Amino acid sequence: MHIKSKIYKNTLYVLLCGELDEHSATHTRMVLDNTFAGVNFSQIIIDLSELEFMDSTGIGVLIGRYKKMKNRNIPIFICNPSTHAEKIFKMTGLYEIMPKIV
């Protein structure tokens, strides 16, 4: 898993590349927590265009980050989901808490 991030106009953009599963979950959780804690921003957009695979552990990572940001009143949005990610987000109802944007 490779994670890229940048801040532009008070929005934190995060790109997840690779596989988000039990093997990468700890690393991903740590990187996201450090990224989310460090800077002031009003929203987060997570780009999933390069996410090749995600299992239930990966879903847990994203839900955990959602809960942390909800406590800070910072919404998380999803953009460019891969076909695999799109299917998971629709099946699990994750778009209800992390809406998809274009």
PDB file of N, CA and C in Angstrom:
ATOM      1  N   MET A   1       0.851  -1.177   0.000  1.00  0.00           N
ATOM      2  CA  MET A   1       0.000   0.000   0.000  1.00  0.00           C
ATOM      3  C   MET A   1       0.890   1.232   0.000  1.00  0.00           C
ATOM      4  N   HIS A   2       0.580   2.142  -0.895  1.00  0.00           N
ATOM      5  CA  HIS A   2       1.267   3.431  -0.977  1.00  0.00           C
ATOM      6  C   HIS A   2       0.208   4.512  -0.814  1.00  0.00           C
ATOM      7  N   ILE A   3       0.518   5.513   0.008  1.00  0.00           N
ATOM      8  CA  ILE A   3      -0.442   6.575   0.300  1.00  0.00           C
ATOM      9  C   ILE A   3       0.196   7.919  -0.018  1.00  0.00           C
ATOM     10  N   LYS A   4      -0.495   8.706  -0.832  1.00  0.00           N
ATOM     11  CA  LYS A   4      -0.037  10.051  -1.162  1.00  0.00           C
ATOM     12  C   LYS A   4      -1.066  11.033  -0.614  1.00  0.00           C
ATOM     13  N   SER A   5      -0.583  12.186  -0.162  1.00  0.00           N
ATOM     14  CA  SER A   5      -1.526  13.189   0.333  1.00  0.00           C
ATOM     15  C   SER A   5      -1.007  14.590   0.045  1.00  0.00           C
ATOM     16  N   LYS A   6      -1.965  15.518  -0.059  1.00  0.00           N
ATOM     17  CA  LYS A   6      -1.631  16.931  -0.236  1.00  0.00           C
ATOM     18  C   LYS A   6      -2.814  17.751   0.244  1.00  0.00           C
ATOM     19  N   ILE A   7      -2.526  18.985   0.613  1.00  0.00           N
ATOM     20  CA  ILE A   7      -3.586  19.905   1.014  1.00  0.00           C
ATOM     21  C   ILE A   7      -3.678  20.995  -0.034  1.00  0.00           C
ATOM     22  N   TYR A   8      -4.908  21.260  -0.457  1.00  0.00           N
ATOM     23  CA  TYR A   8      -5.172  22.314  -1.421  1.00  0.00           C
ATOM     24  C   TYR A   8      -6.468  22.998  -1.036  1.00  0.00           C
ATOM     25  N   LYS A   9      -6.402  24.289  -0.826  1.00  0.00           N
ATOM     26  CA  LYS A   9      -7.585  25.090  -0.472  1.00  0.00           C
ATOM     27  C   LYS A   9      -8.380  24.475   0.681  1.00  0.00           C
ATOM     28  N   ASN A  10      -7.683  24.191   1.759  1.00  0.00           N
ATOM     29  CA  ASN A  10      -8.309  23.716   2.991  1.00  0.00           C
ATOM     30  C   ASN A  10      -8.934  22.320   2.867  1.00  0.00           C
ATOM     31  N   THR A  11      -8.569  21.582   1.831  1.00  0.00           N
ATOM     32  CA  THR A  11      -9.037  20.203   1.653  1.00  0.00           C
ATOM     33  C   THR A  11      -7.831  19.281   1.634  1.00  0.00           C
ATOM     34  N   LEU A  12      -7.904  18.204   2.403  1.00  0.00           N
ATOM     35  CA  LEU A  12      -6.856  17.190   2.386  1.00  0.00           C
ATOM     36  C   LEU A  12      -7.243  16.136   1.351  1.00  0.00           C
ATOM     37  N   TYR A  13      -6.378  15.955   0.361  1.00  0.00           N
ATOM     38  CA  TYR A  13      -6.570  14.934  -0.665  1.00  0.00           C
ATOM     39  C   TYR A  13      -5.666  13.753  -0.348  1.00  0.00           C
ATOM     40  N   VAL A  14      -6.240  12.553  -0.362  1.00  0.00           N
ATOM     41  CA  VAL A  14      -5.492  11.336  -0.069  1.00  0.00           C
ATOM     42  C   VAL A  14      -5.713  10.347  -1.211  1.00  0.00           C
ATOM     43  N   LEU A  15      -4.625   9.803  -1.733  1.00  0.00           N
ATOM     44  CA  LEU A  15      -4.690   8.790  -2.794  1.00  0.00           C
ATOM     45  C   LEU A  15      -4.197   7.475  -2.213  1.00  0.00           C
ATOM     46  N   LEU A  16      -5.050   6.443  -2.254  1.00  0.00           N
ATOM     47  CA  LEU A  16      -4.676   5.113  -1.793  1.00  0.00           C
ATOM     48  C   LEU A  16      -4.313   4.262  -3.001  1.00  0.00           C
ATOM     49  N   CYS A  17      -3.107   3.708  -2.986  1.00  0.00           N
ATOM     50  CA  CYS A  17      -2.610   2.915  -4.118  1.00  0.00           C
ATOM     51  C   CYS A  17      -2.259   1.515  -3.638  1.00  0.00           C
ATOM     52  N   GLY A  18      -2.783   0.511  -4.319  1.00  0.00           N
ATOM     53  CA  GLY A  18      -2.432  -0.868  -3.988  1.00  0.00           C
ATOM     54  C   GLY A  18      -3.581  -1.616  -3.356  1.00  0.00           C
ATOM     55  N   GLU A  19      -3.256  -2.419  -2.340  1.00  0.00           N
ATOM     56  CA  GLU A  19      -4.242  -3.273  -1.692  1.00  0.00           C
ATOM     57  C   GLU A  19      -4.406  -2.874  -0.234  1.00  0.00           C
ATOM     58  N   LEU A  20      -5.647  -2.708   0.179  1.00  0.00           N
ATOM     59  CA  LEU A  20      -5.962  -2.382   1.569  1.00  0.00           C
ATOM     60  C   LEU A  20      -6.601  -3.619   2.185  1.00  0.00           C
ATOM     61  N   ASP A  21      -5.758  -4.415   2.845  1.00  0.00           N
ATOM     62  CA  ASP A  21      -6.210  -5.671   3.424  1.00  0.00           C
ATOM     63  C   ASP A  21      -5.499  -5.898   4.755  1.00  0.00           C
ATOM     64  N   GLU A  22      -5.614  -7.102   5.297  1.00  0.00           N
ATOM     65  CA  GLU A  22      -5.031  -7.381   6.605  1.00  0.00           C
ATOM     66  C   GLU A  22      -3.516  -7.182   6.633  1.00  0.00           C
ATOM     67  N   HIS A  23      -2.850  -7.327   5.510  1.00  0.00           N
ATOM     68  CA  HIS A  23      -1.397  -7.172   5.463  1.00  0.00           C
ATOM     69  C   HIS A  23      -0.960  -5.708   5.476  1.00  0.00           C
ATOM     70  N   SER A  24      -1.789  -4.816   4.973  1.00  0.00           N
ATOM     71  CA  SER A  24      -1.425  -3.406   4.890  1.00  0.00           C
ATOM     72  C   SER A  24      -2.205  -2.523   5.864  1.00  0.00           C
ATOM     73  N   ALA A  25      -3.142  -3.103   6.596  1.00  0.00           N
ATOM     74  CA  ALA A  25      -4.046  -2.315   7.439  1.00  0.00           C
ATOM     75  C   ALA A  25      -3.313  -1.527   8.519  1.00  0.00           C
ATOM     76  N   THR A  26      -2.377  -2.136   9.217  1.00  0.00           N
ATOM     77  CA  THR A  26      -1.678  -1.446  10.296  1.00  0.00           C
ATOM     78  C   THR A  26      -0.908  -0.253   9.760  1.00  0.00           C
ATOM     79  N   HIS A  27      -0.177  -0.461   8.676  1.00  0.00           N
ATOM     80  CA  HIS A  27       0.590   0.625   8.058  1.00  0.00           C
ATOM     81  C   HIS A  27      -0.343   1.736   7.575  1.00  0.00           C
ATOM     82  N   THR A  28      -1.417   1.363   6.906  1.00  0.00           N
ATOM     83  CA  THR A  28      -2.362   2.347   6.378  1.00  0.00           C
ATOM     84  C   THR A  28      -3.005   3.143   7.505  1.00  0.00           C
ATOM     85  N   ARG A  29      -3.413   2.468   8.553  1.00  0.00           N
ATOM     86  CA  ARG A  29      -4.022   3.125   9.707  1.00  0.00           C
ATOM     87  C   ARG A  29      -3.055   4.142  10.314  1.00  0.00           C
ATOM     88  N   MET A  30      -1.809   3.739  10.490  1.00  0.00           N
ATOM     89  CA  MET A  30      -0.807   4.614  11.087  1.00  0.00           C
ATOM     90  C   MET A  30      -0.543   5.846  10.212  1.00  0.00           C
ATOM     91  N   VAL A  31      -0.379   5.642   8.913  1.00  0.00           N
ATOM     92  CA  VAL A  31      -0.106   6.753   8.002  1.00  0.00           C
ATOM     93  C   VAL A  31      -1.301   7.712   7.949  1.00  0.00           C
ATOM     94  N   LEU A  32      -2.496   7.171   7.829  1.00  0.00           N
ATOM     95  CA  LEU A  32      -3.683   8.035   7.784  1.00  0.00           C
ATOM     96  C   LEU A  32      -3.868   8.807   9.086  1.00  0.00           C
ATOM     97  N   ASP A  33      -3.689   8.144  10.217  1.00  0.00           N
ATOM     98  CA  ASP A  33      -3.832   8.836  11.497  1.00  0.00           C
ATOM     99  C   ASP A  33      -2.823   9.978  11.618  1.00  0.00           C
ATOM    100  N   ASN A  34      -1.583   9.730  11.219  1.00  0.00           N
ATOM    101  CA  ASN A  34      -0.561  10.778  11.268  1.00  0.00           C
ATOM    102  C   ASN A  34      -0.892  11.918  10.305  1.00  0.00           C
ATOM    103  N   THR A  35      -1.367  11.578   9.130  1.00  0.00           N
ATOM    104  CA  THR A  35      -1.726  12.589   8.136  1.00  0.00           C
ATOM    105  C   THR A  35      -2.916  13.418   8.617  1.00  0.00           C
ATOM    106  N   PHE A  36      -3.920  12.764   9.161  1.00  0.00           N
ATOM    107  CA  PHE A  36      -5.130  13.448   9.610  1.00  0.00           C
ATOM    108  C   PHE A  36      -4.869  14.309  10.846  1.00  0.00           C
ATOM    109  N   ALA A  37      -3.894  13.937  11.657  1.00  0.00           N
ATOM    110  CA  ALA A  37      -3.641  14.656  12.906  1.00  0.00           C
ATOM    111  C   ALA A  37      -2.795  15.909  12.711  1.00  0.00           C
ATOM    112  N   GLY A  38      -2.023  15.957  11.639  1.00  0.00           N
ATOM    113  CA  GLY A  38      -0.987  16.963  11.530  1.00  0.00           C
ATOM    114  C   GLY A  38      -1.369  18.352  11.096  1.00  0.00           C
ATOM    115  N   VAL A  39      -2.439  18.524  10.359  1.00  0.00           N
ATOM    116  CA  VAL A  39      -2.668  19.796   9.691  1.00  0.00           C
ATOM    117  C   VAL A  39      -4.132  20.207   9.813  1.00  0.00           C
ATOM    118  N   ASN A  40      -4.381  21.496   9.667  1.00  0.00           N
ATOM    119  CA  ASN A  40      -5.763  21.982   9.659  1.00  0.00           C
ATOM    120  C   ASN A  40      -6.347  21.902   8.255  1.00  0.00           C
ATOM    121  N   PHE A  41      -7.522  21.331   8.144  1.00  0.00           N
ATOM    122  CA  PHE A  41      -8.263  21.226   6.894  1.00  0.00           C
ATOM    123  C   PHE A  41      -9.727  21.076   7.259  1.00  0.00           C
ATOM    124  N   SER A  42     -10.605  21.383   6.311  1.00  0.00           N
ATOM    125  CA  SER A  42     -12.035  21.351   6.624  1.00  0.00           C
ATOM    126  C   SER A  42     -12.741  20.114   6.081  1.00  0.00           C
ATOM    127  N   GLN A  43     -12.096  19.387   5.168  1.00  0.00           N
ATOM    128  CA  GLN A  43     -12.673  18.157   4.640  1.00  0.00           C
ATOM    129  C   GLN A  43     -11.565  17.278   4.085  1.00  0.00           C
ATOM    130  N   ILE A  44     -11.911  16.003   3.871  1.00  0.00           N
ATOM    131  CA  ILE A  44     -10.968  15.023   3.324  1.00  0.00           C
ATOM    132  C   ILE A  44     -11.614  14.379   2.110  1.00  0.00           C
ATOM    133  N   ILE A  45     -10.838  14.279   1.040  1.00  0.00           N
ATOM    134  CA  ILE A  45     -11.285  13.556  -0.146  1.00  0.00           C
ATOM    135  C   ILE A  45     -10.308  12.404  -0.364  1.00  0.00           C
ATOM    136  N   ILE A  46     -10.845  11.187  -0.330  1.00  0.00           N
ATOM    137  CA  ILE A  46     -10.026   9.997  -0.535  1.00  0.00           C
ATOM    138  C   ILE A  46     -10.265   9.490  -1.951  1.00  0.00           C
ATOM    139  N   ASP A  47      -9.190   9.466  -2.723  1.00  0.00           N
ATOM    140  CA  ASP A  47      -9.223   9.005  -4.119  1.00  0.00           C
ATOM    141  C   ASP A  47      -8.892   7.515  -4.133  1.00  0.00           C
ATOM    142  N   LEU A  48      -9.812   6.721  -4.652  1.00  0.00           N
ATOM    143  CA  LEU A  48      -9.639   5.267  -4.684  1.00  0.00           C
ATOM    144  C   LEU A  48      -9.366   4.743  -6.101  1.00  0.00           C
ATOM    145  N   SER A  49      -8.974   5.621  -7.008  1.00  0.00           N
ATOM    146  CA  SER A  49      -8.767   5.209  -8.398  1.00  0.00           C
ATOM    147  C   SER A  49      -7.653   4.176  -8.544  1.00  0.00           C
ATOM    148  N   GLU A  50      -6.711   4.156  -7.607  1.00  0.00           N
ATOM    149  CA  GLU A  50      -5.596   3.214  -7.697  1.00  0.00           C
ATOM    150  C   GLU A  50      -5.653   2.125  -6.632  1.00  0.00           C
ATOM    151  N   LEU A  51      -6.815   2.009  -5.974  1.00  0.00           N
ATOM    152  CA  LEU A  51      -7.012   0.938  -5.001  1.00  0.00           C
ATOM    153  C   LEU A  51      -7.392  -0.327  -5.763  1.00  0.00           C
ATOM    154  N   GLU A  52      -6.532  -1.312  -5.728  1.00  0.00           N
ATOM    155  CA  GLU A  52      -6.733  -2.535  -6.501  1.00  0.00           C
ATOM    156  C   GLU A  52      -7.600  -3.558  -5.773  1.00  0.00           C
ATOM    157  N   PHE A  53      -7.537  -3.554  -4.434  1.00  0.00           N
ATOM    158  CA  PHE A  53      -8.261  -4.550  -3.653  1.00  0.00           C
ATOM    159  C   PHE A  53      -8.514  -4.004  -2.256  1.00  0.00           C
ATOM    160  N   MET A  54      -9.673  -4.350  -1.683  1.00  0.00           N
ATOM    161  CA  MET A  54      -9.972  -4.009  -0.293  1.00  0.00           C
ATOM    162  C   MET A  54     -10.838  -5.107   0.290  1.00  0.00           C
ATOM    163  N   ASP A  55     -10.469  -5.565   1.487  1.00  0.00           N
ATOM    164  CA  ASP A  55     -11.283  -6.579   2.157  1.00  0.00           C
ATOM    165  C   ASP A  55     -11.927  -5.967   3.399  1.00  0.00           C
ATOM    166  N   SER A  56     -12.511  -6.794   4.253  1.00  0.00           N
ATOM    167  CA  SER A  56     -13.220  -6.288   5.425  1.00  0.00           C
ATOM    168  C   SER A  56     -12.295  -5.546   6.388  1.00  0.00           C
ATOM    169  N   THR A  57     -11.041  -5.942   6.439  1.00  0.00           N
ATOM    170  CA  THR A  57     -10.077  -5.225   7.287  1.00  0.00           C
ATOM    171  C   THR A  57      -9.893  -3.805   6.773  1.00  0.00           C
ATOM    172  N   GLY A  58      -9.814  -3.645   5.467  1.00  0.00           N
ATOM    173  CA  GLY A  58      -9.692  -2.321   4.861  1.00  0.00           C
ATOM    174  C   GLY A  58     -10.911  -1.463   5.121  1.00  0.00           C
ATOM    175  N   ILE A  59     -12.087  -2.084   5.072  1.00  0.00           N
ATOM    176  CA  ILE A  59     -13.318  -1.360   5.386  1.00  0.00           C
ATOM    177  C   ILE A  59     -13.246  -0.839   6.824  1.00  0.00           C
ATOM    178  N   GLY A  60     -12.756  -1.678   7.717  1.00  0.00           N
ATOM    179  CA  GLY A  60     -12.607  -1.280   9.116  1.00  0.00           C
ATOM    180  C   GLY A  60     -11.660  -0.102   9.291  1.00  0.00           C
ATOM    181  N   VAL A  61     -10.589  -0.087   8.519  1.00  0.00           N
ATOM    182  CA  VAL A  61      -9.632   1.033   8.573  1.00  0.00           C
ATOM    183  C   VAL A  61     -10.339   2.327   8.181  1.00  0.00           C
ATOM    184  N   LEU A  62     -11.077   2.297   7.095  1.00  0.00           N
ATOM    185  CA  LEU A  62     -11.760   3.507   6.631  1.00  0.00           C
ATOM    186  C   LEU A  62     -12.853   3.951   7.607  1.00  0.00           C
ATOM    187  N   ILE A  63     -13.602   3.009   8.159  1.00  0.00           N
ATOM    188  CA  ILE A  63     -14.645   3.365   9.127  1.00  0.00           C
ATOM    189  C   ILE A  63     -14.018   3.968  10.383  1.00  0.00           C
ATOM    190  N   GLY A  64     -12.904   3.422  10.817  1.00  0.00           N
ATOM    191  CA  GLY A  64     -12.220   3.972  11.983  1.00  0.00           C
ATOM    192  C   GLY A  64     -11.764   5.401  11.759  1.00  0.00           C
ATOM    193  N   ARG A  65     -11.237   5.695  10.564  1.00  0.00           N
ATOM    194  CA  ARG A  65     -10.803   7.069  10.259  1.00  0.00           C
ATOM    195  C   ARG A  65     -12.019   7.985  10.157  1.00  0.00           C
ATOM    196  N   TYR A  66     -13.126   7.471   9.613  1.00  0.00           N
ATOM    197  CA  TYR A  66     -14.365   8.248   9.539  1.00  0.00           C
ATOM    198  C   TYR A  66     -14.807   8.655  10.949  1.00  0.00           C
ATOM    199  N   LYS A  67     -14.803   7.707  11.880  1.00  0.00           N
ATOM    200  CA  LYS A  67     -15.245   7.998  13.242  1.00  0.00           C
ATOM    201  C   LYS A  67     -14.366   9.058  13.900  1.00  0.00           C
ATOM    202  N   LYS A  68     -13.057   8.959  13.704  1.00  0.00           N
ATOM    203  CA  LYS A  68     -12.144   9.952  14.279  1.00  0.00           C
ATOM    204  C   LYS A  68     -12.409  11.341  13.708  1.00  0.00           C
ATOM    205  N   MET A  69     -12.629  11.412  12.415  1.00  0.00           N
ATOM    206  CA  MET A  69     -12.855  12.714  11.795  1.00  0.00           C
ATOM    207  C   MET A  69     -14.248  13.248  12.118  1.00  0.00           C
ATOM    208  N   LYS A  70     -15.208  12.363  12.295  1.00  0.00           N
ATOM    209  CA  LYS A  70     -16.557  12.791  12.676  1.00  0.00           C
ATOM    210  C   LYS A  70     -16.506  13.507  14.018  1.00  0.00           C
ATOM    211  N   ASN A  71     -15.691  13.015  14.934  1.00  0.00           N
ATOM    212  CA  ASN A  71     -15.533  13.661  16.237  1.00  0.00           C
ATOM    213  C   ASN A  71     -14.950  15.064  16.111  1.00  0.00           C
ATOM    214  N   ARG A  72     -14.244  15.329  15.030  1.00  0.00           N
ATOM    215  CA  ARG A  72     -13.669  16.663  14.775  1.00  0.00           C
ATOM    216  C   ARG A  72     -14.523  17.468  13.789  1.00  0.00           C
ATOM    217  N   ASN A  73     -15.679  16.927  13.417  1.00  0.00           N
ATOM    218  CA  ASN A  73     -16.592  17.562  12.452  1.00  0.00           C
ATOM    219  C   ASN A  73     -15.927  17.792  11.096  1.00  0.00           C
ATOM    220  N   ILE A  74     -15.138  16.825  10.657  1.00  0.00           N
ATOM    221  CA  ILE A  74     -14.475  16.900   9.354  1.00  0.00           C
ATOM    222  C   ILE A  74     -15.026  15.774   8.485  1.00  0.00           C
ATOM    223  N   PRO A  75     -15.780  16.106   7.433  1.00  0.00           N
ATOM    224  CA  PRO A  75     -16.351  15.062   6.573  1.00  0.00           C
ATOM    225  C   PRO A  75     -15.300  14.414   5.670  1.00  0.00           C
ATOM    226  N   ILE A  76     -15.568  13.160   5.330  1.00  0.00           N
ATOM    227  CA  ILE A  76     -14.732  12.422   4.386  1.00  0.00           C
ATOM    228  C   ILE A  76     -15.588  12.096   3.172  1.00  0.00           C
ATOM    229  N   PHE A  77     -15.034  12.358   1.995  1.00  0.00           N
ATOM    230  CA  PHE A  77     -15.690  12.057   0.731  1.00  0.00           C
ATOM    231  C   PHE A  77     -14.823  11.091  -0.059  1.00  0.00           C
ATOM    232  N   ILE A  78     -15.458  10.305  -0.912  1.00  0.00           N
ATOM    233  CA  ILE A  78     -14.768   9.333  -1.767  1.00  0.00           C
ATOM    234  C   ILE A  78     -14.881   9.801  -3.207  1.00  0.00           C
ATOM    235  N   CYS A  79     -13.783   9.696  -3.953  1.00  0.00           N
ATOM    236  CA  CYS A  79     -13.835  10.002  -5.382  1.00  0.00           C
ATOM    237  C   CYS A  79     -13.091   8.930  -6.170  1.00  0.00           C
ATOM    238  N   ASN A  80     -13.442   8.825  -7.425  1.00  0.00           N
ATOM    239  CA  ASN A  80     -12.792   7.927  -8.387  1.00  0.00           C
ATOM    240  C   ASN A  80     -12.633   6.487  -7.899  1.00  0.00           C
ATOM    241  N   PRO A  81     -13.691   5.881  -7.361  1.00  0.00           N
ATOM    242  CA  PRO A  81     -13.517   4.511  -6.882  1.00  0.00           C
ATOM    243  C   PRO A  81     -13.244   3.544  -8.035  1.00  0.00           C
ATOM    244  N   SER A  82     -12.327   2.633  -7.795  1.00  0.00           N
ATOM    245  CA  SER A  82     -12.099   1.568  -8.761  1.00  0.00           C
ATOM    246  C   SER A  82     -13.364   0.723  -8.826  1.00  0.00           C
ATOM    247  N   THR A  83     -13.475  -0.128  -9.819  1.00  0.00           N
ATOM    248  CA  THR A  83     -14.643  -0.993  -9.952  1.00  0.00           C
ATOM    249  C   THR A  83     -14.838  -1.834  -8.698  1.00  0.00           C
ATOM    250  N   HIS A  84     -13.748  -2.374  -8.188  1.00  0.00           N
ATOM    251  CA  HIS A  84     -13.803  -3.200  -6.971  1.00  0.00           C
ATOM    252  C   HIS A  84     -14.284  -2.380  -5.777  1.00  0.00           C
ATOM    253  N   ALA A  85     -13.706  -1.191  -5.580  1.00  0.00           N
ATOM    254  CA  ALA A  85     -14.092  -0.340  -4.453  1.00  0.00           C
ATOM    255  C   ALA A  85     -15.542   0.107  -4.574  1.00  0.00           C
ATOM    256  N   GLU A  86     -15.959   0.434  -5.775  1.00  0.00           N
ATOM    257  CA  GLU A  86     -17.353   0.861  -6.007  1.00  0.00           C
ATOM    258  C   GLU A  86     -18.323  -0.218  -5.543  1.00  0.00           C
ATOM    259  N   LYS A  87     -18.049  -1.450  -5.908  1.00  0.00           N
ATOM    260  CA  LYS A  87     -18.911  -2.570  -5.536  1.00  0.00           C
ATOM    261  C   LYS A  87     -18.984  -2.710  -4.015  1.00  0.00           C
ATOM    262  N   ILE A  88     -17.855  -2.619  -3.348  1.00  0.00           N
ATOM    263  CA  ILE A  88     -17.816  -2.757  -1.886  1.00  0.00           C
ATOM    264  C   ILE A  88     -18.566  -1.619  -1.212  1.00  0.00           C
ATOM    265  N   PHE A  89     -18.319  -0.382  -1.661  1.00  0.00           N
ATOM    266  CA  PHE A  89     -18.986   0.763  -1.044  1.00  0.00           C
ATOM    267  C   PHE A  89     -20.499   0.696  -1.213  1.00  0.00           C
ATOM    268  N   LYS A  90     -20.961   0.238  -2.355  1.00  0.00           N
ATOM    269  CA  LYS A  90     -22.401   0.113  -2.576  1.00  0.00           C
ATOM    270  C   LYS A  90     -22.995  -1.006  -1.726  1.00  0.00           C
ATOM    271  N   MET A  91     -22.323  -2.158  -1.699  1.00  0.00           N
ATOM    272  CA  MET A  91     -22.837  -3.315  -0.954  1.00  0.00           C
ATOM    273  C   MET A  91     -22.894  -3.048   0.545  1.00  0.00           C
ATOM    274  N   THR A  92     -21.912  -2.365   1.067  1.00  0.00           N
ATOM    275  CA  THR A  92     -21.819  -2.167   2.515  1.00  0.00           C
ATOM    276  C   THR A  92     -22.530  -0.910   3.004  1.00  0.00           C
ATOM    277  N   GLY A  93     -22.927  -0.047   2.093  1.00  0.00           N
ATOM    278  CA  GLY A  93     -23.577   1.198   2.491  1.00  0.00           C
ATOM    279  C   GLY A  93     -22.607   2.271   2.960  1.00  0.00           C
ATOM    280  N   LEU A  94     -21.327   2.103   2.660  1.00  0.00           N
ATOM    281  CA  LEU A  94     -20.338   3.087   3.096  1.00  0.00           C
ATOM    282  C   LEU A  94     -20.555   4.475   2.493  1.00  0.00           C
ATOM    283  N   TYR A  95     -21.214   4.522   1.344  1.00  0.00           N
ATOM    284  CA  TYR A  95     -21.488   5.835   0.746  1.00  0.00           C
ATOM    285  C   TYR A  95     -22.457   6.655   1.602  1.00  0.00           C
ATOM    286  N   GLU A  96     -23.168   5.999   2.522  1.00  0.00           N
ATOM    287  CA  GLU A  96     -24.068   6.722   3.420  1.00  0.00           C
ATOM    288  C   GLU A  96     -23.293   7.597   4.400  1.00  0.00           C
ATOM    289  N   ILE A  97     -22.096   7.164   4.777  1.00  0.00           N
ATOM    290  CA  ILE A  97     -21.309   7.939   5.747  1.00  0.00           C
ATOM    291  C   ILE A  97     -20.141   8.671   5.088  1.00  0.00           C
ATOM    292  N   MET A  98     -19.665   8.144   3.973  1.00  0.00           N
ATOM    293  CA  MET A  98     -18.588   8.777   3.208  1.00  0.00           C
ATOM    294  C   MET A  98     -19.073   8.930   1.774  1.00  0.00           C
ATOM    295  N   PRO A  99     -19.789  10.005   1.466  1.00  0.00           N
ATOM    296  CA  PRO A  99     -20.419  10.138   0.148  1.00  0.00           C
ATOM    297  C   PRO A  99     -19.409  10.173  -1.007  1.00  0.00           C
ATOM    298  N   LYS A 100     -19.876   9.651  -2.129  1.00  0.00           N
ATOM    299  CA  LYS A 100     -19.093   9.706  -3.362  1.00  0.00           C
ATOM    300  C   LYS A 100     -19.301  11.056  -4.018  1.00  0.00           C
ATOM    301  N   ILE A 101     -18.206  11.658  -4.448  1.00  0.00           N
ATOM    302  CA  ILE A 101     -18.277  12.922  -5.187  1.00  0.00           C
ATOM    303  C   ILE A 101     -17.616  12.750  -6.536  1.00  0.00           C
ATOM    304  N   VAL A 102     -17.963  13.619  -7.449  1.00  0.00           N
ATOM    305  CA  VAL A 102     -17.410  13.538  -8.804  1.00  0.00           C
ATOM    306  C   VAL A 102     -16.268  14.515  -8.942  1.00  0.00           C
TER     307      VAL A 102
END
